[in-house]
N, C-alpha and C. Protein backbone atom coordinates (compact mmCIF):
# COMPACT_ATOMS: atom_id res chain seq x y z
N MET A 1 -12.94 15.73 2.33
CA MET A 1 -12.47 14.47 1.17
C MET A 1 -12.26 13.19 1.99
N THR A 2 -12.64 12.19 1.27
CA THR A 2 -12.33 10.99 1.26
C THR A 2 -11.22 10.13 0.66
N TYR A 3 -10.10 9.99 0.93
CA TYR A 3 -8.79 9.31 1.01
C TYR A 3 -8.93 8.12 -0.03
N ARG A 4 -8.76 7.64 -0.86
CA ARG A 4 -8.67 6.77 -1.68
C ARG A 4 -7.13 5.75 -1.37
N VAL A 5 -7.60 4.75 -1.02
CA VAL A 5 -6.21 3.81 -0.54
C VAL A 5 -6.28 2.86 -1.36
N LEU A 6 -5.32 2.21 -2.17
CA LEU A 6 -5.09 0.88 -2.64
C LEU A 6 -4.38 0.06 -1.66
N LEU A 7 -4.81 -1.25 -1.42
CA LEU A 7 -4.22 -2.07 -0.55
C LEU A 7 -4.09 -3.67 -1.56
N MET A 8 -2.64 -3.88 -1.24
CA MET A 8 -2.27 -5.07 -1.82
C MET A 8 -1.89 -6.33 -1.00
N ASP A 9 -2.44 -7.19 -0.86
CA ASP A 9 -1.93 -8.13 0.19
C ASP A 9 -2.54 -9.73 -0.55
N ASP A 10 -1.54 -10.55 -0.15
CA ASP A 10 -2.09 -11.92 -0.73
C ASP A 10 -2.85 -13.02 0.47
N GLU A 11 -3.05 -12.33 1.43
CA GLU A 11 -3.41 -12.81 2.12
C GLU A 11 -5.21 -12.39 2.44
N PRO A 12 -6.12 -13.53 2.06
CA PRO A 12 -7.62 -12.82 2.07
C PRO A 12 -8.11 -12.28 3.23
N ALA A 13 -7.93 -12.90 4.45
CA ALA A 13 -8.10 -12.57 5.50
C ALA A 13 -7.57 -10.97 5.85
N ILE A 14 -6.63 -10.74 5.49
CA ILE A 14 -5.98 -9.61 5.59
C ILE A 14 -6.48 -8.32 4.83
N CYS A 15 -6.91 -8.51 3.72
CA CYS A 15 -7.72 -7.69 2.72
C CYS A 15 -8.91 -7.45 3.06
N GLU A 16 -9.37 -8.73 3.72
CA GLU A 16 -11.02 -8.35 4.35
C GLU A 16 -10.82 -7.31 5.25
N ILE A 17 -10.22 -7.68 6.56
CA ILE A 17 -10.43 -7.23 7.59
C ILE A 17 -9.74 -5.57 7.46
N THR A 18 -8.75 -5.41 6.85
CA THR A 18 -8.01 -4.29 6.67
C THR A 18 -9.18 -3.34 5.73
N GLY A 19 -9.42 -3.97 4.83
CA GLY A 19 -10.74 -3.25 4.07
C GLY A 19 -12.16 -2.52 5.22
N ILE A 20 -12.55 -3.49 5.77
CA ILE A 20 -13.26 -2.98 6.76
C ILE A 20 -12.75 -1.95 7.49
N LEU A 21 -11.34 -1.99 8.25
CA LEU A 21 -10.91 -0.99 9.13
C LEU A 21 -10.68 0.62 8.26
N LEU A 22 -10.36 0.15 6.98
CA LEU A 22 -10.08 1.27 6.27
C LEU A 22 -11.59 2.13 5.91
N LYS A 23 -12.48 1.59 5.81
CA LYS A 23 -13.89 2.09 5.74
C LYS A 23 -14.30 2.64 6.99
N LYS A 24 -14.12 2.01 7.96
CA LYS A 24 -14.45 2.48 9.51
C LYS A 24 -13.59 3.60 9.71
N LEU A 25 -12.44 3.73 8.96
CA LEU A 25 -11.67 5.01 9.44
C LEU A 25 -11.95 6.33 8.16
N GLY A 26 -13.09 5.95 7.26
CA GLY A 26 -13.32 6.99 6.57
C GLY A 26 -12.50 6.97 5.41
N TYR A 27 -11.76 5.97 4.83
CA TYR A 27 -11.46 6.09 3.59
C TYR A 27 -11.97 5.16 2.80
N ASP A 28 -11.62 5.46 1.48
CA ASP A 28 -12.18 4.46 0.29
C ASP A 28 -11.28 3.60 -0.07
N PRO A 29 -11.35 2.31 0.31
CA PRO A 29 -10.35 1.03 -0.20
C PRO A 29 -10.77 0.50 -1.42
N THR A 30 -9.35 -0.01 -2.29
CA THR A 30 -9.60 -0.57 -3.20
C THR A 30 -8.56 -1.81 -2.59
N ILE A 31 -8.92 -3.23 -3.02
CA ILE A 31 -7.95 -4.37 -2.62
C ILE A 31 -7.72 -4.90 -4.11
N ALA A 32 -6.35 -5.40 -3.89
CA ALA A 32 -5.73 -5.96 -4.84
C ALA A 32 -4.80 -7.25 -4.23
N VAL A 33 -4.80 -8.45 -4.87
CA VAL A 33 -4.45 -9.69 -4.24
C VAL A 33 -3.22 -9.98 -4.65
N SER A 34 -2.83 -9.36 -5.45
CA SER A 34 -1.00 -9.63 -6.32
C SER A 34 -0.64 -8.03 -7.04
N GLY A 35 0.51 -8.41 -7.22
CA GLY A 35 1.26 -7.20 -7.57
C GLY A 35 0.64 -6.68 -9.10
N GLU A 36 0.39 -7.77 -9.88
CA GLU A 36 -0.22 -7.54 -11.29
C GLU A 36 -1.58 -6.86 -11.02
N GLU A 37 -2.31 -7.56 -10.28
CA GLU A 37 -3.75 -6.82 -10.19
C GLU A 37 -3.84 -5.22 -9.37
N ALA A 38 -2.51 -5.04 -8.47
CA ALA A 38 -2.34 -3.79 -7.93
C ALA A 38 -1.96 -2.73 -8.81
N LEU A 39 -1.00 -3.25 -9.86
CA LEU A 39 -0.71 -2.11 -10.95
C LEU A 39 -1.70 -1.73 -11.81
N ALA A 40 -2.44 -3.02 -12.09
CA ALA A 40 -3.72 -2.78 -13.15
C ALA A 40 -4.76 -1.87 -12.45
N LYS A 41 -4.89 -1.93 -11.15
CA LYS A 41 -6.02 -0.74 -10.66
C LYS A 41 -5.19 0.11 -10.12
N TYR A 42 -4.24 0.34 -10.16
CA TYR A 42 -3.70 1.80 -9.90
C TYR A 42 -3.48 2.42 -11.04
N GLN A 43 -3.18 1.76 -12.43
CA GLN A 43 -3.18 2.46 -13.67
C GLN A 43 -4.50 2.98 -13.86
N LYS A 44 -5.65 1.99 -14.03
CA LYS A 44 -6.93 2.44 -14.28
C LYS A 44 -7.04 3.76 -13.56
N ALA A 45 -6.92 3.80 -12.28
CA ALA A 45 -7.53 4.87 -11.51
C ALA A 45 -6.77 6.21 -11.82
N ARG A 46 -5.72 6.01 -12.17
CA ARG A 46 -4.88 7.28 -12.73
C ARG A 46 -5.64 7.70 -14.58
N GLU A 47 -5.85 6.40 -14.98
CA GLU A 47 -6.24 6.78 -16.40
C GLU A 47 -7.78 7.61 -16.26
N ASN A 48 -8.58 7.21 -15.12
CA ASN A 48 -9.85 7.53 -14.81
C ASN A 48 -9.58 8.95 -14.32
N GLY A 49 -8.58 9.72 -13.83
CA GLY A 49 -8.29 10.71 -13.33
C GLY A 49 -8.70 10.95 -11.69
N ARG A 50 -8.90 9.42 -11.14
CA ARG A 50 -9.00 9.36 -9.55
C ARG A 50 -7.93 8.72 -9.26
N PRO A 51 -6.46 9.24 -9.00
CA PRO A 51 -5.68 8.28 -8.65
C PRO A 51 -5.60 8.13 -6.90
N PHE A 52 -4.96 6.99 -6.71
CA PHE A 52 -5.01 6.94 -5.16
C PHE A 52 -4.22 7.79 -4.24
N ASP A 53 -4.69 8.00 -3.40
CA ASP A 53 -3.81 8.94 -2.40
C ASP A 53 -2.59 8.12 -1.68
N VAL A 54 -2.82 6.78 -1.29
CA VAL A 54 -2.11 6.23 -0.59
C VAL A 54 -2.12 4.72 -1.20
N ILE A 55 -1.04 4.05 -1.14
CA ILE A 55 -1.06 2.70 -1.41
C ILE A 55 -0.25 1.95 -0.38
N ILE A 56 -0.84 0.88 -0.37
CA ILE A 56 0.05 -0.22 0.84
C ILE A 56 0.35 -1.41 0.07
N LEU A 57 1.56 -1.70 0.10
CA LEU A 57 1.85 -2.88 -0.88
C LEU A 57 2.50 -3.78 0.41
N ASP A 58 1.91 -5.08 0.16
CA ASP A 58 2.68 -6.17 1.01
C ASP A 58 4.09 -6.49 0.09
N LEU A 59 5.05 -6.62 1.17
CA LEU A 59 6.38 -6.70 0.68
C LEU A 59 7.05 -8.08 -0.06
N THR A 60 5.97 -8.93 0.21
CA THR A 60 6.12 -10.16 -0.24
C THR A 60 5.03 -11.06 -0.64
N ILE A 61 4.80 -11.52 -1.81
CA ILE A 61 3.80 -12.24 -2.57
C ILE A 61 4.40 -13.28 -3.27
N PRO A 62 4.26 -14.31 -2.64
CA PRO A 62 5.12 -15.70 -3.16
C PRO A 62 4.35 -16.06 -4.40
N GLY A 63 5.36 -16.05 -5.30
CA GLY A 63 5.14 -16.50 -7.08
C GLY A 63 4.56 -15.27 -7.85
N GLY A 64 4.43 -14.26 -7.04
CA GLY A 64 4.09 -12.97 -8.30
C GLY A 64 5.08 -11.88 -7.68
N LEU A 65 4.39 -10.46 -7.89
CA LEU A 65 5.01 -9.32 -7.89
C LEU A 65 5.16 -9.04 -6.34
N GLY A 66 5.97 -8.35 -5.73
CA GLY A 66 5.96 -7.92 -4.50
C GLY A 66 5.90 -6.56 -4.42
N GLY A 67 6.04 -5.97 -3.01
CA GLY A 67 6.19 -4.74 -3.10
C GLY A 67 7.44 -3.89 -3.59
N ARG A 68 8.43 -4.49 -3.48
CA ARG A 68 9.72 -3.86 -4.25
C ARG A 68 9.52 -3.74 -5.71
N GLU A 69 8.81 -4.88 -6.10
CA GLU A 69 8.50 -4.71 -7.65
C GLU A 69 7.66 -3.83 -8.26
N VAL A 70 6.63 -4.03 -7.50
CA VAL A 70 5.44 -3.02 -7.67
C VAL A 70 6.00 -1.58 -7.42
N ILE A 71 6.44 -1.21 -6.58
CA ILE A 71 7.00 0.13 -6.22
C ILE A 71 7.86 0.77 -7.39
N SER A 72 8.66 -0.34 -7.65
CA SER A 72 9.62 0.29 -9.02
C SER A 72 8.81 0.77 -10.21
N VAL A 73 7.85 -0.12 -10.34
CA VAL A 73 6.96 0.45 -11.53
C VAL A 73 6.23 1.59 -11.38
N ILE A 74 5.65 1.65 -10.17
CA ILE A 74 4.63 2.94 -10.01
C ILE A 74 5.83 3.94 -9.71
N ARG A 75 6.64 4.33 -9.30
CA ARG A 75 7.69 5.49 -9.42
C ARG A 75 7.93 5.68 -10.49
N GLU A 76 8.13 4.84 -11.54
CA GLU A 76 8.47 5.42 -13.10
C GLU A 76 7.80 6.41 -13.43
N SER A 77 6.56 6.12 -13.21
CA SER A 77 5.17 6.98 -13.78
C SER A 77 4.52 8.11 -12.76
N ASP A 78 5.14 7.98 -11.50
CA ASP A 78 4.50 8.73 -10.38
C ASP A 78 5.63 9.09 -9.17
N PRO A 79 6.54 9.92 -9.56
CA PRO A 79 7.60 9.97 -8.59
C PRO A 79 7.03 10.30 -7.21
N ASP A 80 6.12 11.01 -7.08
CA ASP A 80 5.36 11.69 -5.88
C ASP A 80 4.25 10.85 -5.03
N VAL A 81 4.00 9.80 -5.30
CA VAL A 81 3.16 8.83 -5.13
C VAL A 81 3.19 8.42 -3.40
N LYS A 82 2.42 8.48 -2.43
CA LYS A 82 2.68 7.89 -1.59
C LYS A 82 2.32 6.53 -1.00
N VAL A 83 3.41 5.73 -0.63
CA VAL A 83 3.39 4.19 -0.71
C VAL A 83 3.97 3.61 0.53
N LEU A 84 3.18 2.93 1.17
CA LEU A 84 3.47 2.07 2.70
C LEU A 84 3.74 0.68 2.21
N VAL A 85 5.09 0.37 2.81
CA VAL A 85 5.29 -1.20 2.79
C VAL A 85 4.76 -1.92 4.07
N SER A 86 4.39 -2.78 4.00
CA SER A 86 3.72 -3.99 4.94
C SER A 86 4.55 -4.88 4.89
N SER A 87 5.03 -5.37 6.20
CA SER A 87 5.55 -6.62 6.17
C SER A 87 5.55 -7.03 7.82
N GLY A 88 5.78 -8.26 8.09
CA GLY A 88 5.85 -8.56 9.42
C GLY A 88 7.24 -9.01 9.96
N ASP A 89 8.31 -8.91 8.75
CA ASP A 89 9.68 -9.22 8.88
C ASP A 89 10.34 -7.54 8.70
N LEU A 90 10.56 -7.38 10.04
CA LEU A 90 10.74 -5.97 10.32
C LEU A 90 12.42 -5.99 10.14
N SER A 91 13.08 -7.26 9.83
CA SER A 91 14.57 -6.62 9.73
C SER A 91 15.00 -6.80 8.14
N ASP A 92 13.86 -7.10 7.29
CA ASP A 92 13.90 -6.96 5.78
C ASP A 92 14.67 -5.45 5.35
N PRO A 93 15.90 -5.45 4.82
CA PRO A 93 16.37 -4.35 4.21
C PRO A 93 15.19 -3.19 3.64
N ALA A 94 14.15 -3.92 2.95
CA ALA A 94 13.16 -2.73 2.31
C ALA A 94 12.34 -2.18 3.38
N ILE A 95 12.15 -3.15 4.50
CA ILE A 95 11.64 -2.28 5.57
C ILE A 95 12.61 -1.31 6.56
N VAL A 96 13.60 -1.72 6.98
CA VAL A 96 14.69 -1.05 7.39
C VAL A 96 15.12 0.20 6.86
N SER A 97 15.37 0.09 5.67
CA SER A 97 15.75 1.24 4.92
C SER A 97 14.56 1.69 3.68
N TYR A 98 13.57 1.63 4.29
CA TYR A 98 12.27 1.96 3.27
C TYR A 98 12.38 2.96 2.10
N ALA A 99 12.93 4.09 2.59
CA ALA A 99 13.17 5.39 1.88
C ALA A 99 14.31 4.82 0.71
N ASP A 100 15.01 3.94 1.05
CA ASP A 100 16.20 3.64 -0.13
C ASP A 100 15.48 2.63 -1.22
N TYR A 101 14.16 2.41 -0.79
CA TYR A 101 13.70 1.45 -1.74
C TYR A 101 12.42 1.79 -2.45
N GLY A 102 12.24 3.25 -2.18
CA GLY A 102 11.17 4.11 -2.79
C GLY A 102 9.88 4.27 -2.08
N PHE A 103 9.79 3.64 -0.77
CA PHE A 103 8.55 3.71 0.03
C PHE A 103 8.64 5.11 0.97
N SER A 104 7.30 5.28 1.16
CA SER A 104 7.22 6.61 1.89
C SER A 104 7.29 6.50 3.53
N GLY A 105 6.84 5.14 3.58
CA GLY A 105 6.79 4.43 5.24
C GLY A 105 6.65 3.16 5.38
N VAL A 106 6.39 2.77 6.69
CA VAL A 106 6.46 1.22 7.04
C VAL A 106 4.82 1.14 7.80
N LEU A 107 4.40 -0.13 7.31
CA LEU A 107 3.25 -0.58 8.12
C LEU A 107 3.46 -1.85 8.86
N ALA A 108 3.87 -1.80 9.83
CA ALA A 108 4.38 -3.10 10.19
C ALA A 108 3.04 -4.10 10.90
N LYS A 109 3.18 -5.31 10.59
CA LYS A 109 2.32 -6.73 10.61
C LYS A 109 2.60 -7.15 11.96
N PRO A 110 1.62 -7.57 12.78
CA PRO A 110 0.24 -7.42 12.56
C PRO A 110 0.18 -5.66 12.88
N TYR A 111 -0.85 -5.18 12.33
CA TYR A 111 -1.48 -3.82 12.59
C TYR A 111 -2.82 -3.68 13.12
N ASN A 112 -3.03 -2.60 13.85
CA ASN A 112 -4.35 -2.45 14.25
C ASN A 112 -5.16 -1.16 13.65
N LYS A 113 -6.30 -0.84 14.11
CA LYS A 113 -6.86 0.03 13.44
C LYS A 113 -5.87 1.34 13.48
N ASN A 114 -5.67 1.79 14.83
CA ASN A 114 -4.95 2.84 15.07
C ASN A 114 -3.83 3.24 14.36
N GLY A 115 -2.94 2.05 14.36
CA GLY A 115 -1.77 1.78 13.67
C GLY A 115 -1.87 1.89 12.30
N LEU A 116 -2.66 1.87 11.49
CA LEU A 116 -3.39 1.77 10.28
C LEU A 116 -3.26 3.24 9.94
N ASP A 117 -4.43 4.06 10.83
CA ASP A 117 -4.74 5.18 10.67
C ASP A 117 -3.66 6.25 10.85
N HIS A 118 -2.60 6.00 11.64
CA HIS A 118 -1.58 6.82 11.94
C HIS A 118 -0.55 6.69 10.94
N ALA A 119 -0.37 5.19 10.01
CA ALA A 119 0.84 5.18 9.43
C ALA A 119 0.36 5.69 8.17
N ILE A 120 -0.94 5.93 7.63
CA ILE A 120 -1.91 6.67 6.32
C ILE A 120 -1.44 8.20 6.87
N LYS A 121 -1.90 8.49 7.61
CA LYS A 121 -1.89 9.98 7.92
C LYS A 121 -0.82 10.63 8.09
N SER A 122 0.49 9.74 8.32
CA SER A 122 1.92 10.13 8.46
C SER A 122 2.25 10.48 7.06
N VAL A 123 2.38 9.59 6.19
CA VAL A 123 2.40 9.64 4.96
C VAL A 123 1.50 10.73 3.83
N LEU A 124 0.43 10.83 4.37
CA LEU A 124 -0.35 12.02 3.55
C LEU A 124 0.11 13.26 4.24
N SER A 125 0.49 13.59 5.31
CA SER A 125 1.19 14.77 5.57
C SER A 125 2.65 15.04 5.48
N SER A 126 3.40 13.94 4.89
CA SER A 126 4.68 14.13 4.60
C SER A 126 4.89 14.86 2.85
């Protein structure tokens, strides 16, 4: 089984590199560069009967919906979805107390292939 992963990040380089890493790890990645795009792709996947197995949300998207806002919308329709919050600011309350914000786990930036795989497998097995 190939797990489907939705990645939301506003940094094009992170999207490109992480997309490549996800493919090399055997995942099926979908990329979104904004919260609005992530929500649209999330909803379309559900409507098509092919929901994402894991969602990775960048915590902060300047001028748009970030991880906090996106997770609150997603949790309304899917309380069991597996969502990782991603950030380089490890002191942010949404990172420190991620479960209080509705996240399933944390993917600290910068991350590497092994860290990415470990974080995804951890939330899939929980």
